Amino acid sequence: MKQLIQIAKVFSDENRVRIIALLMRDGPICVCEICDTLQLSQPLVSRHLKQMKNASVISSVKKGKWMLYSVEKESGELFCWLDAVRKSVPALPEQVVCSQYVKETEKSTELKF
């Protein structure tokens, strides 16, 4: 019951729903890409991500110094919510790619002799 209430709270905020829609479309992505694409502040996005992670709606993986976020696999309890997001969220802005993240990942893939 507690998990269901946490999930319902996640989907009760328009910004969280927009973040989830962005993660469904473009994930895994870093916080700065979410902020720049949706025009939201970093502290606000971080708070939303924490709440979504606590409700097991999203997951994160560390890649170098970057934390990348994505939507959890669509389990039974999440499927209806995520399907509703797919159907109801209007078109999102084009993803803004974080230049710092791109530079960092390019450096880590370069061969060093």
N, C-alpha and C. Protein backbone atom coordinates (compact mmCIF):
# COMPACT_ATOMS: atom_id res chain seq x y z
N MET A 1 0.82 -1.19 0.00
CA MET A 1 0.00 0.00 0.00
C MET A 1 0.87 1.26 0.00
N LYS A 2 1.95 1.26 0.80
CA LYS A 2 2.83 2.42 0.89
C LYS A 2 3.47 2.71 -0.47
N GLN A 3 3.90 1.67 -1.17
CA GLN A 3 4.51 1.82 -2.50
C GLN A 3 3.52 2.48 -3.48
N LEU A 4 2.28 2.05 -3.45
CA LEU A 4 1.26 2.60 -4.33
C LEU A 4 1.05 4.10 -4.06
N ILE A 5 1.05 4.48 -2.79
CA ILE A 5 0.88 5.89 -2.43
C ILE A 5 2.07 6.71 -2.91
N GLN A 6 3.29 6.17 -2.75
CA GLN A 6 4.49 6.87 -3.22
C GLN A 6 4.43 7.08 -4.74
N ILE A 7 4.01 6.05 -5.46
CA ILE A 7 3.90 6.15 -6.92
C ILE A 7 2.86 7.20 -7.30
N ALA A 8 1.73 7.18 -6.62
CA ALA A 8 0.67 8.17 -6.91
C ALA A 8 1.18 9.59 -6.68
N LYS A 9 1.97 9.79 -5.62
CA LYS A 9 2.53 11.12 -5.34
C LYS A 9 3.48 11.56 -6.46
N VAL A 10 4.26 10.62 -6.97
CA VAL A 10 5.18 10.94 -8.06
C VAL A 10 4.41 11.49 -9.26
N PHE A 11 3.30 10.85 -9.60
CA PHE A 11 2.54 11.24 -10.78
C PHE A 11 1.57 12.40 -10.52
N SER A 12 1.61 12.96 -9.31
CA SER A 12 0.70 14.06 -8.98
C SER A 12 1.30 15.44 -9.28
N ASP A 13 2.53 15.47 -9.76
CA ASP A 13 3.20 16.74 -10.04
C ASP A 13 3.53 16.83 -11.54
N GLU A 14 3.14 17.92 -12.16
CA GLU A 14 3.34 18.08 -13.61
C GLU A 14 4.81 18.01 -14.01
N ASN A 15 5.70 18.63 -13.23
CA ASN A 15 7.12 18.59 -13.57
C ASN A 15 7.67 17.17 -13.50
N ARG A 16 7.26 16.40 -12.50
CA ARG A 16 7.73 15.01 -12.41
C ARG A 16 7.23 14.19 -13.61
N VAL A 17 5.99 14.43 -14.00
CA VAL A 17 5.45 13.71 -15.16
C VAL A 17 6.23 14.09 -16.42
N ARG A 18 6.57 15.35 -16.57
CA ARG A 18 7.38 15.78 -17.73
C ARG A 18 8.77 15.16 -17.69
N ILE A 19 9.36 15.07 -16.50
CA ILE A 19 10.68 14.43 -16.36
C ILE A 19 10.58 12.96 -16.76
N ILE A 20 9.55 12.28 -16.28
CA ILE A 20 9.37 10.86 -16.62
C ILE A 20 9.19 10.70 -18.13
N ALA A 21 8.39 11.57 -18.75
CA ALA A 21 8.19 11.50 -20.20
C ALA A 21 9.52 11.70 -20.94
N LEU A 22 10.34 12.63 -20.46
CA LEU A 22 11.64 12.86 -21.07
C LEU A 22 12.54 11.64 -20.91
N LEU A 23 12.55 11.05 -19.73
CA LEU A 23 13.36 9.85 -19.50
C LEU A 23 12.88 8.69 -20.37
N MET A 24 11.57 8.58 -20.55
CA MET A 24 11.03 7.52 -21.41
C MET A 24 11.47 7.73 -22.86
N ARG A 25 11.53 8.99 -23.28
CA ARG A 25 11.89 9.29 -24.66
C ARG A 25 13.40 9.24 -24.90
N ASP A 26 14.20 9.82 -23.97
CA ASP A 26 15.62 10.02 -24.22
C ASP A 26 16.57 9.30 -23.27
N GLY A 27 16.06 8.72 -22.19
CA GLY A 27 16.92 8.18 -21.14
C GLY A 27 17.84 7.10 -21.65
N PRO A 28 18.89 6.80 -20.92
CA PRO A 28 19.35 7.44 -19.68
C PRO A 28 20.05 8.78 -19.98
N ILE A 29 19.74 9.77 -19.14
CA ILE A 29 20.31 11.10 -19.30
C ILE A 29 20.69 11.67 -17.93
N CYS A 30 21.57 12.68 -17.97
CA CYS A 30 22.04 13.29 -16.72
C CYS A 30 21.13 14.44 -16.29
N VAL A 31 21.31 14.90 -15.08
CA VAL A 31 20.49 15.97 -14.50
C VAL A 31 20.56 17.23 -15.35
N CYS A 32 21.75 17.59 -15.80
CA CYS A 32 21.89 18.84 -16.56
C CYS A 32 21.08 18.79 -17.86
N GLU A 33 20.97 17.63 -18.48
CA GLU A 33 20.17 17.51 -19.70
C GLU A 33 18.68 17.68 -19.39
N ILE A 34 18.25 17.15 -18.25
CA ILE A 34 16.85 17.32 -17.84
C ILE A 34 16.58 18.80 -17.58
N CYS A 35 17.47 19.44 -16.83
CA CYS A 35 17.31 20.87 -16.50
C CYS A 35 17.24 21.73 -17.75
N ASP A 36 18.19 21.52 -18.65
CA ASP A 36 18.26 22.36 -19.85
C ASP A 36 17.10 22.10 -20.80
N THR A 37 16.69 20.86 -20.94
CA THR A 37 15.60 20.53 -21.86
C THR A 37 14.27 21.05 -21.36
N LEU A 38 14.00 20.86 -20.07
CA LEU A 38 12.70 21.24 -19.51
C LEU A 38 12.70 22.63 -18.89
N GLN A 39 13.86 23.30 -18.91
CA GLN A 39 13.98 24.66 -18.37
C GLN A 39 13.58 24.69 -16.89
N LEU A 40 14.15 23.76 -16.11
CA LEU A 40 13.90 23.68 -14.68
C LEU A 40 15.23 23.84 -13.95
N SER A 41 15.20 24.33 -12.71
CA SER A 41 16.43 24.50 -11.95
C SER A 41 16.98 23.15 -11.50
N GLN A 42 18.29 23.12 -11.30
CA GLN A 42 18.95 21.87 -10.89
C GLN A 42 18.48 21.39 -9.52
N PRO A 43 18.33 22.28 -8.51
CA PRO A 43 17.85 21.80 -7.21
C PRO A 43 16.43 21.21 -7.30
N LEU A 44 15.57 21.83 -8.11
CA LEU A 44 14.21 21.32 -8.27
C LEU A 44 14.22 19.94 -8.92
N VAL A 45 14.99 19.79 -9.99
CA VAL A 45 15.07 18.50 -10.68
C VAL A 45 15.64 17.44 -9.75
N SER A 46 16.68 17.77 -9.01
CA SER A 46 17.28 16.80 -8.08
C SER A 46 16.28 16.34 -7.02
N ARG A 47 15.47 17.26 -6.51
CA ARG A 47 14.44 16.89 -5.53
C ARG A 47 13.42 15.93 -6.16
N HIS A 48 12.99 16.25 -7.37
CA HIS A 48 12.03 15.39 -8.06
C HIS A 48 12.63 14.01 -8.33
N LEU A 49 13.88 13.97 -8.78
CA LEU A 49 14.53 12.68 -9.06
C LEU A 49 14.64 11.83 -7.80
N LYS A 50 14.96 12.47 -6.68
CA LYS A 50 15.06 11.74 -5.42
C LYS A 50 13.72 11.11 -5.05
N GLN A 51 12.64 11.87 -5.19
CA GLN A 51 11.32 11.33 -4.85
C GLN A 51 10.95 10.19 -5.80
N MET A 52 11.26 10.33 -7.07
CA MET A 52 10.94 9.28 -8.04
C MET A 52 11.78 8.03 -7.80
N LYS A 53 13.03 8.22 -7.42
CA LYS A 53 13.90 7.08 -7.13
C LYS A 53 13.42 6.36 -5.87
N ASN A 54 13.02 7.10 -4.84
CA ASN A 54 12.50 6.50 -3.61
C ASN A 54 11.24 5.68 -3.86
N ALA A 55 10.46 6.08 -4.86
CA ALA A 55 9.24 5.35 -5.20
C ALA A 55 9.51 4.23 -6.21
N SER A 56 10.78 4.04 -6.57
CA SER A 56 11.20 3.01 -7.54
C SER A 56 10.59 3.21 -8.92
N VAL A 57 10.37 4.47 -9.28
CA VAL A 57 9.85 4.78 -10.61
C VAL A 57 11.01 4.95 -11.59
N ILE A 58 12.14 5.46 -11.09
CA ILE A 58 13.33 5.62 -11.92
C ILE A 58 14.51 4.93 -11.25
N SER A 59 15.55 4.74 -12.04
CA SER A 59 16.80 4.20 -11.49
C SER A 59 17.94 5.06 -12.00
N SER A 60 19.09 4.89 -11.40
CA SER A 60 20.26 5.66 -11.83
C SER A 60 21.47 4.74 -11.89
N VAL A 61 22.40 5.13 -12.74
CA VAL A 61 23.65 4.41 -12.86
C VAL A 61 24.76 5.45 -12.97
N LYS A 62 25.86 5.20 -12.28
CA LYS A 62 26.99 6.13 -12.30
C LYS A 62 27.89 5.78 -13.48
N LYS A 63 28.19 6.79 -14.28
CA LYS A 63 29.09 6.60 -15.42
C LYS A 63 30.17 7.65 -15.30
N GLY A 64 31.33 7.25 -14.80
CA GLY A 64 32.38 8.22 -14.51
C GLY A 64 31.93 9.10 -13.37
N LYS A 65 31.99 10.41 -13.57
CA LYS A 65 31.51 11.32 -12.52
C LYS A 65 30.05 11.69 -12.72
N TRP A 66 29.39 11.11 -13.70
CA TRP A 66 28.01 11.44 -14.05
C TRP A 66 27.04 10.41 -13.53
N MET A 67 25.88 10.87 -13.11
CA MET A 67 24.78 9.99 -12.71
C MET A 67 23.74 10.08 -13.83
N LEU A 68 23.44 8.93 -14.42
CA LEU A 68 22.46 8.89 -15.52
C LEU A 68 21.17 8.27 -15.01
N TYR A 69 20.05 8.88 -15.35
CA TYR A 69 18.74 8.45 -14.86
C TYR A 69 17.91 7.87 -16.00
N SER A 70 17.13 6.86 -15.66
CA SER A 70 16.21 6.25 -16.63
C SER A 70 14.99 5.72 -15.88
N VAL A 71 13.93 5.46 -16.64
CA VAL A 71 12.71 4.92 -16.05
C VAL A 71 12.95 3.45 -15.72
N GLU A 72 12.48 3.02 -14.55
CA GLU A 72 12.57 1.61 -14.16
C GLU A 72 11.87 0.76 -15.20
N LYS A 73 12.27 -0.48 -15.28
CA LYS A 73 11.56 -1.39 -16.19
C LYS A 73 10.08 -1.37 -15.83
N GLU A 74 9.27 -1.46 -16.84
CA GLU A 74 7.82 -1.32 -16.65
C GLU A 74 7.23 -2.55 -15.96
N SER A 75 7.24 -2.51 -14.66
CA SER A 75 6.62 -3.58 -13.88
C SER A 75 5.11 -3.39 -13.91
N GLY A 76 4.39 -4.36 -13.45
CA GLY A 76 2.94 -4.33 -13.46
C GLY A 76 2.34 -3.10 -12.83
N GLU A 77 2.85 -2.73 -11.65
CA GLU A 77 2.26 -1.59 -10.95
C GLU A 77 2.57 -0.26 -11.62
N LEU A 78 3.63 -0.20 -12.42
CA LEU A 78 3.98 1.04 -13.10
C LEU A 78 3.39 1.15 -14.50
N PHE A 79 3.04 0.02 -15.09
CA PHE A 79 2.65 0.02 -16.50
C PHE A 79 1.51 0.98 -16.79
N CYS A 80 0.45 0.95 -16.00
CA CYS A 80 -0.72 1.83 -16.24
C CYS A 80 -0.33 3.30 -16.14
N TRP A 81 0.48 3.63 -15.14
CA TRP A 81 0.91 5.02 -14.97
C TRP A 81 1.75 5.47 -16.17
N LEU A 82 2.71 4.64 -16.58
CA LEU A 82 3.59 5.02 -17.68
C LEU A 82 2.83 5.09 -19.00
N ASP A 83 1.86 4.21 -19.18
CA ASP A 83 1.03 4.25 -20.38
C ASP A 83 0.24 5.56 -20.42
N ALA A 84 -0.26 5.99 -19.28
CA ALA A 84 -1.00 7.26 -19.20
C ALA A 84 -0.09 8.44 -19.54
N VAL A 85 1.17 8.38 -19.10
CA VAL A 85 2.13 9.44 -19.42
C VAL A 85 2.34 9.49 -20.93
N ARG A 86 2.54 8.32 -21.54
CA ARG A 86 2.74 8.27 -22.99
C ARG A 86 1.60 8.95 -23.74
N LYS A 87 0.39 8.73 -23.27
CA LYS A 87 -0.79 9.23 -23.97
C LYS A 87 -1.11 10.69 -23.67
N SER A 88 -0.69 11.20 -22.52
CA SER A 88 -1.18 12.52 -22.12
C SER A 88 -0.17 13.65 -22.15
N VAL A 89 1.11 13.35 -22.18
CA VAL A 89 2.10 14.43 -22.15
C VAL A 89 2.25 15.00 -23.55
N PRO A 90 2.08 16.32 -23.68
CA PRO A 90 2.25 16.95 -24.99
C PRO A 90 3.70 16.83 -25.45
N ALA A 91 3.93 17.19 -26.66
CA ALA A 91 5.28 17.10 -27.21
C ALA A 91 6.27 17.84 -26.32
N LEU A 92 7.38 17.18 -26.08
CA LEU A 92 8.44 17.77 -25.27
C LEU A 92 9.41 18.54 -26.17
N PRO A 93 10.12 19.51 -25.60
CA PRO A 93 11.14 20.20 -26.40
C PRO A 93 12.24 19.22 -26.80
N GLU A 94 12.98 19.57 -27.84
CA GLU A 94 14.12 18.75 -28.23
C GLU A 94 15.09 18.64 -27.06
N GLN A 95 15.71 17.48 -26.93
CA GLN A 95 16.65 17.28 -25.83
C GLN A 95 17.86 18.19 -26.01
N VAL A 96 18.25 18.85 -24.94
CA VAL A 96 19.45 19.65 -24.92
C VAL A 96 20.55 18.76 -24.37
N VAL A 97 21.57 18.53 -25.17
CA VAL A 97 22.65 17.64 -24.76
C VAL A 97 23.64 18.43 -23.91
N CYS A 98 23.97 17.88 -22.79
CA CYS A 98 24.90 18.52 -21.85
C CYS A 98 26.31 18.47 -22.44
N SER A 99 26.87 19.62 -22.76
CA SER A 99 28.19 19.66 -23.39
C SER A 99 29.28 19.13 -22.45
N GLN A 100 29.13 19.35 -21.15
CA GLN A 100 30.12 18.83 -20.20
C GLN A 100 30.12 17.31 -20.21
N TYR A 101 28.93 16.70 -20.25
CA TYR A 101 28.84 15.24 -20.25
C TYR A 101 29.44 14.68 -21.54
N VAL A 102 29.16 15.31 -22.68
CA VAL A 102 29.70 14.85 -23.96
C VAL A 102 31.22 14.91 -23.94
N LYS A 103 31.79 16.03 -23.47
CA LYS A 103 33.25 16.16 -23.40
C LYS A 103 33.85 15.09 -22.50
N GLU A 104 33.24 14.86 -21.35
CA GLU A 104 33.74 13.88 -20.38
C GLU A 104 33.73 12.48 -20.99
N THR A 105 32.64 12.10 -21.66
CA THR A 105 32.56 10.75 -22.22
C THR A 105 33.49 10.60 -23.41
N GLU A 106 33.71 11.67 -24.17
CA GLU A 106 34.66 11.60 -25.28
C GLU A 106 36.07 11.38 -24.75
N LYS A 107 36.43 12.06 -23.67
CA LYS A 107 37.76 11.89 -23.07
C LYS A 107 37.96 10.46 -22.58
N SER A 108 36.93 9.88 -21.99
CA SER A 108 37.07 8.55 -21.42
C SER A 108 37.14 7.47 -22.49
N THR A 109 36.69 7.77 -23.73
CA THR A 109 36.73 6.76 -24.79
C THR A 109 37.97 6.91 -25.67
N GLU A 110 38.73 8.00 -25.50
CA GLU A 110 39.95 8.18 -26.28
C GLU A 110 41.00 7.19 -25.81
N LEU A 111 41.77 6.67 -26.77
CA LEU A 111 42.86 5.77 -26.42
C LEU A 111 44.05 6.58 -25.93
N LYS A 112 44.67 6.11 -24.88
CA LYS A 112 45.83 6.81 -24.33
C LYS A 112 47.05 5.93 -24.53
N PHE A 113 48.11 6.53 -25.09
CA PHE A 113 49.34 5.78 -25.34
C PHE A 113 50.44 6.25 -24.45
